[in-house]
Amino acid sequence: MTDSHWQQLSAKLDEVAALGRQVDFWWRDDDAAEPTAALDRLLSLVGEYAVPVVIAVPPAQATDALSRRLEGLSGASVAVHGWAHRNHAPPLEKKQELGGHRPRATVLQELERGYARLQMLFPAGFVPMLVPPWNRIDAALLDGLPDIGFTALSVFGPEKPSPLSVVNTHVDVMDWRGTRGCRDHALIIADIMTRLRQVCGDEEERADQTGRTIGLLTHHLVHDDGVWDFLEGLFALTVRHPACRWLSGRQVTDR
């Protein structure tokens, strides 16, 4: 990536600030179950740049060691990442744990167990947000989530109407269908620019009013150097910029 792409993003943020506006960013990282070197690197960015992160944890895989690692870290929140991150869809369908392939009651019972387990393991950092594995959930489950205690749902893409608050991610750093490493930085910045135009209310690209944040999606366990470099560049540009505010997990779920 050339510096021009960062310059374009910086110039757009300057425009937003000149209008007296501020854009809310938030960061979701998926699939933590235990302490790893990659998680340590992610948490070092949280500390260095004071950018909060919501870590989506599969409850069935969550360890006491992860609980101890995150204890006392005010910048890290924990959300419910399904139950075991296990695919129940047949081979020709897209992967889903929270699809319509099992009885509704069974899936909701697992989510209730997961909610209780993570609330116990992470009493200070837990937030009542459901992050469906593979960003997919059957619509028939949605009206059962508030009864469990969930107040927010987060998948990937434009927000859609739901019985509870929807706070999605919109910018994925990973090239899942290609190299399975970092996407070209210019393409990631282009996605951020598109979302900026949406949340700032440009008539031609107005976002649905249920979603007014820019959600960044990462997966620390599979990051390459390109991802880490991009994150450092993004945080260095945005954390002190007057047009930007990075929301914590609590702020996201309380919206």
C-alpha atoms as a PDB file:
ATOM      1  CA  MET A   1       0.000   0.000   0.000  1.00  0.00           C
ATOM      2  CA  THR A   2       1.211   3.489  -0.781  1.00  0.00           C
ATOM      3  CA  ASP A   3       0.986   6.390   1.637  1.00  0.00           C
ATOM      4  CA  SER A   4      -1.656   7.963  -0.599  1.00  0.00           C
ATOM      5  CA  HIS A   5      -4.345   5.654   0.769  1.00  0.00           C
ATOM      6  CA  TRP A   6      -3.623   6.681   4.334  1.00  0.00           C
ATOM      7  CA  GLN A   7      -3.558  10.293   3.173  1.00  0.00           C
ATOM      8  CA  GLN A   8      -7.010   9.896   1.620  1.00  0.00           C
ATOM      9  CA  LEU A   9      -8.378   8.456   4.838  1.00  0.00           C
ATOM     10  CA  SER A  10      -6.745  11.188   6.885  1.00  0.00           C
ATOM     11  CA  ALA A  11      -8.189  13.865   4.593  1.00  0.00           C
ATOM     12  CA  LYS A  12     -11.690  12.377   4.892  1.00  0.00           C
ATOM     13  CA  LEU A  13     -11.428  12.347   8.674  1.00  0.00           C
ATOM     14  CA  ASP A  14     -10.270  15.961   8.577  1.00  0.00           C
ATOM     15  CA  GLU A  15     -13.428  16.799   6.591  1.00  0.00           C
ATOM     16  CA  VAL A  16     -15.582  15.079   9.203  1.00  0.00           C
ATOM     17  CA  ALA A  17     -13.859  16.964  12.016  1.00  0.00           C
ATOM     18  CA  ALA A  18     -14.262  20.287  10.182  1.00  0.00           C
ATOM     19  CA  LEU A  19     -18.023  19.686  10.166  1.00  0.00           C
ATOM     20  CA  GLY A  20     -17.992  19.192  13.906  1.00  0.00           C
ATOM     21  CA  ARG A  21     -18.811  15.508  13.535  1.00  0.00           C
ATOM     22  CA  GLN A  22     -17.372  12.452  15.227  1.00  0.00           C
ATOM     23  CA  VAL A  23     -17.415   8.861  13.960  1.00  0.00           C
ATOM     24  CA  ASP A  24     -17.743   5.896  16.281  1.00  0.00           C
ATOM     25  CA  PHE A  25     -15.414   2.973  15.576  1.00  0.00           C
ATOM     26  CA  TRP A  26     -15.368  -0.337  17.392  1.00  0.00           C
ATOM     27  CA  TRP A  27     -13.166  -3.437  17.205  1.00  0.00           C
ATOM     28  CA  ARG A  28     -14.252  -7.078  17.399  1.00  0.00           C
ATOM     29  CA  ASP A  29     -11.760  -9.941  17.431  1.00  0.00           C
ATOM     30  CA  ASP A  30     -13.009 -13.536  17.158  1.00  0.00           C
ATOM     31  CA  ASP A  31     -12.115 -17.020  18.393  1.00  0.00           C
ATOM     32  CA  ALA A  32     -10.074 -16.591  21.564  1.00  0.00           C
ATOM     33  CA  ALA A  33     -10.177 -19.628  23.845  1.00  0.00           C
ATOM     34  CA  GLU A  34      -6.843 -19.582  25.668  1.00  0.00           C
ATOM     35  CA  PRO A  35      -3.779 -17.357  26.025  1.00  0.00           C
ATOM     36  CA  THR A  36      -1.477 -17.379  22.991  1.00  0.00           C
ATOM     37  CA  ALA A  37       1.372 -15.305  21.640  1.00  0.00           C
ATOM     38  CA  ALA A  38      -1.046 -13.854  19.070  1.00  0.00           C
ATOM     39  CA  LEU A  39      -3.469 -12.800  21.802  1.00  0.00           C
ATOM     40  CA  ASP A  40      -0.596 -11.193  23.694  1.00  0.00           C
ATOM     41  CA  ARG A  41       0.283  -9.199  20.584  1.00  0.00           C
ATOM     42  CA  LEU A  42      -3.316  -8.069  20.192  1.00  0.00           C
ATOM     43  CA  LEU A  43      -3.533  -7.028  23.831  1.00  0.00           C
ATOM     44  CA  SER A  44      -0.270  -5.109  23.504  1.00  0.00           C
ATOM     45  CA  LEU A  45      -1.956  -2.966  20.830  1.00  0.00           C
ATOM     46  CA  VAL A  46      -4.923  -2.447  23.145  1.00  0.00           C
ATOM     47  CA  GLY A  47      -2.557  -1.170  25.789  1.00  0.00           C
ATOM     48  CA  GLU A  48      -0.267   0.873  23.559  1.00  0.00           C
ATOM     49  CA  TYR A  49      -2.987   2.722  21.673  1.00  0.00           C
ATOM     50  CA  ALA A  50      -5.764   2.611  24.300  1.00  0.00           C
ATOM     51  CA  VAL A  51      -8.132   1.110  21.715  1.00  0.00           C
ATOM     52  CA  PRO A  52     -10.717  -1.166  23.363  1.00  0.00           C
ATOM     53  CA  VAL A  53     -11.541  -4.545  21.852  1.00  0.00           C
ATOM     54  CA  VAL A  54     -14.479  -6.939  22.130  1.00  0.00           C
ATOM     55  CA  ILE A  55     -13.155 -10.488  22.119  1.00  0.00           C
ATOM     56  CA  ALA A  56     -15.654 -13.101  20.917  1.00  0.00           C
ATOM     57  CA  VAL A  57     -15.084 -16.312  22.895  1.00  0.00           C
ATOM     58  CA  PRO A  58     -16.710 -19.739  22.226  1.00  0.00           C
ATOM     59  CA  PRO A  59     -17.901 -20.648  25.743  1.00  0.00           C
ATOM     60  CA  ALA A  60     -17.368 -24.405  25.414  1.00  0.00           C
ATOM     61  CA  GLN A  61     -13.706 -23.792  24.602  1.00  0.00           C
ATOM     62  CA  ALA A  62     -13.009 -20.982  27.052  1.00  0.00           C
ATOM     63  CA  THR A  63     -10.328 -21.792  29.617  1.00  0.00           C
ATOM     64  CA  ASP A  64      -9.613 -20.598  33.124  1.00  0.00           C
ATOM     65  CA  ALA A  65      -6.234 -19.497  31.787  1.00  0.00           C
ATOM     66  CA  LEU A  66      -7.954 -17.066  29.411  1.00  0.00           C
ATOM     67  CA  SER A  67      -9.994 -15.755  32.307  1.00  0.00           C
ATOM     68  CA  ARG A  68      -6.825 -15.065  34.268  1.00  0.00           C
ATOM     69  CA  ARG A  69      -5.113 -13.489  31.240  1.00  0.00           C
ATOM     70  CA  LEU A  70      -7.918 -10.974  30.696  1.00  0.00           C
ATOM     71  CA  GLU A  71      -8.565 -10.263  34.370  1.00  0.00           C
ATOM     72  CA  GLY A  72      -8.073  -6.600  35.165  1.00  0.00           C
ATOM     73  CA  LEU A  73      -7.741  -5.490  31.538  1.00  0.00           C
ATOM     74  CA  SER A  74     -10.274  -2.703  31.231  1.00  0.00           C
ATOM     75  CA  GLY A  75      -9.718  -2.405  27.483  1.00  0.00           C
ATOM     76  CA  ALA A  76     -10.869  -5.964  26.710  1.00  0.00           C
ATOM     77  CA  SER A  77     -14.500  -7.059  26.789  1.00  0.00           C
ATOM     78  CA  VAL A  78     -15.793 -10.598  26.194  1.00  0.00           C
ATOM     79  CA  ALA A  79     -18.806 -11.525  24.050  1.00  0.00           C
ATOM     80  CA  VAL A  80     -20.528 -14.883  23.510  1.00  0.00           C
ATOM     81  CA  HIS A  81     -19.299 -16.554  20.310  1.00  0.00           C
ATOM     82  CA  GLY A  82     -21.995 -19.180  19.906  1.00  0.00           C
ATOM     83  CA  TRP A  83     -21.348 -22.255  22.038  1.00  0.00           C
ATOM     84  CA  ALA A  84     -18.559 -24.461  20.642  1.00  0.00           C
ATOM     85  CA  HIS A  85     -17.976 -22.889  17.195  1.00  0.00           C
ATOM     86  CA  ARG A  86     -19.079 -26.208  15.687  1.00  0.00           C
ATOM     87  CA  ASN A  87     -20.650 -26.508  12.239  1.00  0.00           C
ATOM     88  CA  HIS A  88     -24.045 -28.253  12.100  1.00  0.00           C
ATOM     89  CA  ALA A  89     -24.855 -27.513   8.457  1.00  0.00           C
ATOM     90  CA  PRO A  90     -24.603 -30.250   5.796  1.00  0.00           C
ATOM     91  CA  PRO A  91     -21.583 -30.255   3.449  1.00  0.00           C
ATOM     92  CA  LEU A  92     -23.182 -28.289   0.604  1.00  0.00           C
ATOM     93  CA  GLU A  93     -24.355 -25.428   2.850  1.00  0.00           C
ATOM     94  CA  LYS A  94     -22.399 -22.573   4.370  1.00  0.00           C
ATOM     95  CA  LYS A  95     -21.100 -23.328   7.835  1.00  0.00           C
ATOM     96  CA  GLN A  96     -23.450 -22.537  10.699  1.00  0.00           C
ATOM     97  CA  GLU A  97     -23.656 -23.355  14.358  1.00  0.00           C
ATOM     98  CA  LEU A  98     -26.754 -21.251  14.974  1.00  0.00           C
ATOM     99  CA  GLY A  99     -28.721 -22.319  11.909  1.00  0.00           C
ATOM    100  CA  GLY A 100     -32.030 -24.104  11.588  1.00  0.00           C
ATOM    101  CA  HIS A 101     -30.477 -27.562  11.472  1.00  0.00           C
ATOM    102  CA  ARG A 102     -31.276 -28.436  15.083  1.00  0.00           C
ATOM    103  CA  PRO A 103     -34.308 -27.855  17.314  1.00  0.00           C
ATOM    104  CA  ARG A 104     -34.676 -24.205  18.266  1.00  0.00           C
ATOM    105  CA  ALA A 105     -34.871 -25.090  21.963  1.00  0.00           C
ATOM    106  CA  THR A 106     -31.569 -26.989  21.778  1.00  0.00           C
ATOM    107  CA  VAL A 107     -29.717 -24.059  20.241  1.00  0.00           C
ATOM    108  CA  LEU A 108     -31.167 -21.547  22.703  1.00  0.00           C
ATOM    109  CA  GLN A 109     -30.268 -23.812  25.626  1.00  0.00           C
ATOM    110  CA  GLU A 110     -26.663 -23.908  24.428  1.00  0.00           C
ATOM    111  CA  LEU A 111     -26.599 -20.133  24.143  1.00  0.00           C
ATOM    112  CA  GLU A 112     -28.010 -19.807  27.642  1.00  0.00           C
ATOM    113  CA  ARG A 113     -25.289 -22.117  28.974  1.00  0.00           C
ATOM    114  CA  GLY A 114     -22.680 -20.131  27.083  1.00  0.00           C
ATOM    115  CA  TYR A 115     -23.973 -16.820  28.413  1.00  0.00           C
ATOM    116  CA  ALA A 116     -23.811 -18.098  31.997  1.00  0.00           C
ATOM    117  CA  ARG A 117     -20.362 -19.643  31.565  1.00  0.00           C
ATOM    118  CA  LEU A 118     -18.708 -16.529  30.160  1.00  0.00           C
ATOM    119  CA  GLN A 119     -20.455 -14.307  32.693  1.00  0.00           C
ATOM    120  CA  MET A 120     -18.882 -16.486  35.396  1.00  0.00           C
ATOM    121  CA  LEU A 121     -15.413 -16.649  33.815  1.00  0.00           C
ATOM    122  CA  PHE A 122     -15.208 -12.944  32.937  1.00  0.00           C
ATOM    123  CA  PRO A 123     -17.299 -11.125  35.554  1.00  0.00           C
ATOM    124  CA  ALA A 124     -15.786  -7.705  34.898  1.00  0.00           C
ATOM    125  CA  GLY A 125     -15.329  -7.866  31.127  1.00  0.00           C
ATOM    126  CA  PHE A 126     -18.458  -9.752  30.038  1.00  0.00           C
ATOM    127  CA  VAL A 127     -20.886  -7.927  27.736  1.00  0.00           C
ATOM    128  CA  PRO A 128     -24.320  -9.336  26.753  1.00  0.00           C
ATOM    129  CA  MET A 129     -23.523  -9.523  23.040  1.00  0.00           C
ATOM    130  CA  LEU A 130     -23.995 -12.565  20.814  1.00  0.00           C
ATOM    131  CA  VAL A 131     -21.499 -13.065  18.004  1.00  0.00           C
ATOM    132  CA  PRO A 132     -22.694 -16.000  15.852  1.00  0.00           C
ATOM    133  CA  PRO A 133     -19.893 -18.209  14.519  1.00  0.00           C
ATOM    134  CA  TRP A 134     -19.302 -17.563  10.822  1.00  0.00           C
ATOM    135  CA  ASN A 135     -21.520 -14.459  11.286  1.00  0.00           C
ATOM    136  CA  ARG A 136     -24.660 -16.487  10.582  1.00  0.00           C
ATOM    137  CA  ILE A 137     -27.786 -17.040  12.676  1.00  0.00           C
ATOM    138  CA  ASP A 138     -31.246 -18.365  11.859  1.00  0.00           C
ATOM    139  CA  ALA A 139     -33.886 -15.638  12.104  1.00  0.00           C
ATOM    140  CA  ALA A 140     -36.146 -17.930  14.145  1.00  0.00           C
ATOM    141  CA  LEU A 141     -33.702 -17.690  17.057  1.00  0.00           C
ATOM    142  CA  LEU A 142     -33.657 -13.924  17.345  1.00  0.00           C
ATOM    143  CA  ASP A 143     -36.739 -13.395  19.473  1.00  0.00           C
ATOM    144  CA  GLY A 144     -35.412 -15.864  22.040  1.00  0.00           C
ATOM    145  CA  LEU A 145     -32.176 -13.981  22.664  1.00  0.00           C
ATOM    146  CA  PRO A 146     -33.513 -11.185  24.942  1.00  0.00           C
ATOM    147  CA  ASP A 147     -34.968 -13.802  27.316  1.00  0.00           C
ATOM    148  CA  ILE A 148     -31.456 -15.193  27.807  1.00  0.00           C
ATOM    149  CA  GLY A 149     -30.116 -11.742  28.591  1.00  0.00           C
ATOM    150  CA  PHE A 150     -28.574 -10.674  25.297  1.00  0.00           C
ATOM    151  CA  THR A 151     -28.990  -7.009  24.471  1.00  0.00           C
ATOM    152  CA  ALA A 152     -26.870  -6.891  21.305  1.00  0.00           C
ATOM    153  CA  LEU A 153     -26.181  -9.003  18.225  1.00  0.00           C
ATOM    154  CA  SER A 154     -23.117  -8.661  16.010  1.00  0.00           C
ATOM    155  CA  VAL A 155     -22.508 -10.247  12.599  1.00  0.00           C
ATOM    156  CA  PHE A 156     -20.788  -8.891   9.474  1.00  0.00           C
ATOM    157  CA  GLY A 157     -22.332  -6.507   6.982  1.00  0.00           C
ATOM    158  CA  PRO A 158     -25.200  -4.005   6.937  1.00  0.00           C
ATOM    159  CA  GLU A 159     -27.432  -3.951   9.998  1.00  0.00           C
ATOM    160  CA  LYS A 160     -30.913  -5.442   9.642  1.00  0.00           C
ATOM    161  CA  PRO A 161     -33.980  -5.083  11.902  1.00  0.00           C
ATOM    162  CA  SER A 162     -33.859  -7.346  14.951  1.00  0.00           C
ATOM    163  CA  PRO A 163     -35.589  -7.777  18.339  1.00  0.00           C
ATOM    164  CA  LEU A 164     -32.375  -6.534  19.959  1.00  0.00           C
ATOM    165  CA  SER A 165     -29.712  -3.977  19.125  1.00  0.00           C
ATOM    166  CA  VAL A 166     -27.578  -4.874  16.096  1.00  0.00           C
ATOM    167  CA  VAL A 167     -23.969  -3.668  16.123  1.00  0.00           C
ATOM    168  CA  ASN A 168     -22.230  -5.232  13.160  1.00  0.00           C
ATOM    169  CA  THR A 169     -18.700  -5.295  11.843  1.00  0.00           C
ATOM    170  CA  HIS A 170     -18.179  -3.850   8.366  1.00  0.00           C
ATOM    171  CA  VAL A 171     -14.443  -3.995   7.635  1.00  0.00           C
ATOM    172  CA  ASP A 172     -12.671  -7.383   7.541  1.00  0.00           C
ATOM    173  CA  VAL A 173      -8.888  -7.376   7.339  1.00  0.00           C
ATOM    174  CA  MET A 174      -8.589 -11.012   6.198  1.00  0.00           C
ATOM    175  CA  ASP A 175      -8.505 -12.329   2.620  1.00  0.00           C
ATOM    176  CA  TRP A 176     -10.461 -15.493   3.402  1.00  0.00           C
ATOM    177  CA  ARG A 177     -11.049 -16.569  -0.193  1.00  0.00           C
ATOM    178  CA  GLY A 178      -7.551 -15.856  -1.446  1.00  0.00           C
ATOM    179  CA  THR A 179      -4.275 -15.800   0.451  1.00  0.00           C
ATOM    180  CA  ARG A 180      -5.955 -16.255   3.861  1.00  0.00           C
ATOM    181  CA  GLY A 181      -3.617 -13.510   4.988  1.00  0.00           C
ATOM    182  CA  CYS A 182      -4.068  -9.769   5.120  1.00  0.00           C
ATOM    183  CA  ARG A 183      -6.106  -8.122   2.400  1.00  0.00           C
ATOM    184  CA  ASP A 184      -4.449  -5.379   0.402  1.00  0.00           C
ATOM    185  CA  HIS A 185      -4.300  -2.373   2.700  1.00  0.00           C
ATOM    186  CA  ALA A 186      -5.749  -0.139   0.000  1.00  0.00           C
ATOM    187  CA  LEU A 187      -8.859  -2.339  -0.186  1.00  0.00           C
ATOM    188  CA  ILE A 188      -9.336  -2.291   3.576  1.00  0.00           C
ATOM    189  CA  ILE A 189      -9.051   1.489   3.619  1.00  0.00           C
ATOM    190  CA  ALA A 190     -11.536   1.673   0.729  1.00  0.00           C
ATOM    191  CA  ASP A 191     -14.025  -0.264   2.879  1.00  0.00           C
ATOM    192  CA  ILE A 192     -13.466   2.157   5.753  1.00  0.00           C
ATOM    193  CA  MET A 193     -13.999   5.104   3.406  1.00  0.00           C
ATOM    194  CA  THR A 194     -17.250   3.589   2.120  1.00  0.00           C
ATOM    195  CA  ARG A 195     -18.527   3.084   5.625  1.00  0.00           C
ATOM    196  CA  LEU A 196     -17.444   6.597   6.582  1.00  0.00           C
ATOM    197  CA  ARG A 197     -19.598   8.011   3.804  1.00  0.00           C
ATOM    198  CA  GLN A 198     -22.500   5.924   5.048  1.00  0.00           C
ATOM    199  CA  VAL A 199     -22.351   6.840   8.698  1.00  0.00           C
ATOM    200  CA  CYS A 200     -21.685  10.474   7.907  1.00  0.00           C
ATOM    201  CA  GLY A 201     -24.945  10.606   5.993  1.00  0.00           C
ATOM    202  CA  ASP A 202     -23.944  11.151   2.365  1.00  0.00           C
ATOM    203  CA  GLU A 203     -27.236  10.957   0.510  1.00  0.00           C
ATOM    204  CA  GLU A 204     -25.977   8.561  -2.145  1.00  0.00           C
ATOM    205  CA  GLU A 205     -24.669   6.050   0.393  1.00  0.00           C
ATOM    206  CA  ARG A 206     -26.804   6.576   3.483  1.00  0.00           C
ATOM    207  CA  ALA A 207     -26.546   3.750   6.018  1.00  0.00           C
ATOM    208  CA  ASP A 208     -29.528   2.118   7.661  1.00  0.00           C
ATOM    209  CA  GLN A 209     -30.314   4.129  10.784  1.00  0.00           C
ATOM    210  CA  THR A 210     -29.916   1.000  12.953  1.00  0.00           C
ATOM    211  CA  GLY A 211     -26.175   1.031  12.283  1.00  0.00           C
ATOM    212  CA  ARG A 212     -24.102   4.150  12.809  1.00  0.00           C
ATOM    213  CA  THR A 213     -20.715   2.704  13.741  1.00  0.00           C
ATOM    214  CA  ILE A 214     -17.704   1.436  11.808  1.00  0.00           C
ATOM    215  CA  GLY A 215     -16.966  -2.084  12.992  1.00  0.00           C
ATOM    216  CA  LEU A 216     -13.498  -3.583  12.465  1.00  0.00           C
ATOM    217  CA  LEU A 217     -13.276  -7.404  12.370  1.00  0.00           C
ATOM    218  CA  THR A 218     -10.081  -9.327  13.121  1.00  0.00           C
ATOM    219  CA  HIS A 219      -9.052 -12.909  13.951  1.00  0.00           C
ATOM    220  CA  HIS A 220      -5.820 -12.726  15.932  1.00  0.00           C
ATOM    221  CA  LEU A 221      -4.959 -16.430  15.601  1.00  0.00           C
ATOM    222  CA  VAL A 222      -4.452 -16.157  11.836  1.00  0.00           C
ATOM    223  CA  HIS A 223      -2.946 -12.688  11.496  1.00  0.00           C
ATOM    224  CA  ASP A 224       0.163 -12.250   9.387  1.00  0.00           C
ATOM    225  CA  ASP A 225       2.540  -9.305   9.544  1.00  0.00           C
ATOM    226  CA  GLY A 226       0.386  -7.401   7.084  1.00  0.00           C
ATOM    227  CA  VAL A 227      -2.541  -7.399   9.482  1.00  0.00           C
ATOM    228  CA  TRP A 228      -0.484  -6.279  12.456  1.00  0.00           C
ATOM    229  CA  ASP A 229       1.073  -3.508  10.374  1.00  0.00           C
ATOM    230  CA  PHE A 230      -2.330  -2.349   9.200  1.00  0.00           C
ATOM    231  CA  LEU A 231      -3.742  -2.244  12.720  1.00  0.00           C
ATOM    232  CA  GLU A 232      -0.830  -0.168  13.948  1.00  0.00           C
ATOM    233  CA  GLY A 233      -1.286   2.250  11.065  1.00  0.00           C
ATOM    234  CA  LEU A 234      -5.027   2.563  11.640  1.00  0.00           C
ATOM    235  CA  PHE A 235      -4.733   3.099  15.372  1.00  0.00           C
ATOM    236  CA  ALA A 236      -1.889   5.581  15.004  1.00  0.00           C
ATOM    237  CA  LEU A 237      -4.057   7.657  12.652  1.00  0.00           C
ATOM    238  CA  THR A 238      -7.375   7.468  14.483  1.00  0.00           C
ATOM    239  CA  VAL A 239      -6.904   7.305  18.241  1.00  0.00           C
ATOM    240  CA  ARG A 240      -6.090  10.994  18.646  1.00  0.00           C
ATOM    241  CA  HIS A 241      -7.985  12.289  15.636  1.00  0.00           C
ATOM    242  CA  PRO A 242     -10.858  14.603  16.663  1.00  0.00           C
ATOM    243  CA  ALA A 243     -13.208  12.890  14.188  1.00  0.00           C
ATOM    244  CA  CYS A 244     -12.763   9.439  15.742  1.00  0.00           C
ATOM    245  CA  ARG A 245     -13.983   7.743  18.869  1.00  0.00           C
ATOM    246  CA  TRP A 246     -13.252   4.073  19.637  1.00  0.00           C
ATOM    247  CA  LEU A 247     -16.102   2.543  21.632  1.00  0.00           C
ATOM    248  CA  SER A 248     -15.700  -0.037  24.361  1.00  0.00           C
ATOM    249  CA  GLY A 249     -17.771  -3.208  24.532  1.00  0.00           C
ATOM    250  CA  ARG A 250     -19.950  -1.640  27.193  1.00  0.00           C
ATOM    251  CA  GLN A 251     -20.533   1.456  25.090  1.00  0.00           C
ATOM    252  CA  VAL A 252     -21.440  -0.666  22.064  1.00  0.00           C
ATOM    253  CA  THR A 253     -23.955  -2.840  23.895  1.00  0.00           C
ATOM    254  CA  ASP A 254     -25.514   0.123  25.702  1.00  0.00           C
ATOM    255  CA  ARG A 255     -26.266   2.019  22.492  1.00  0.00           C
END
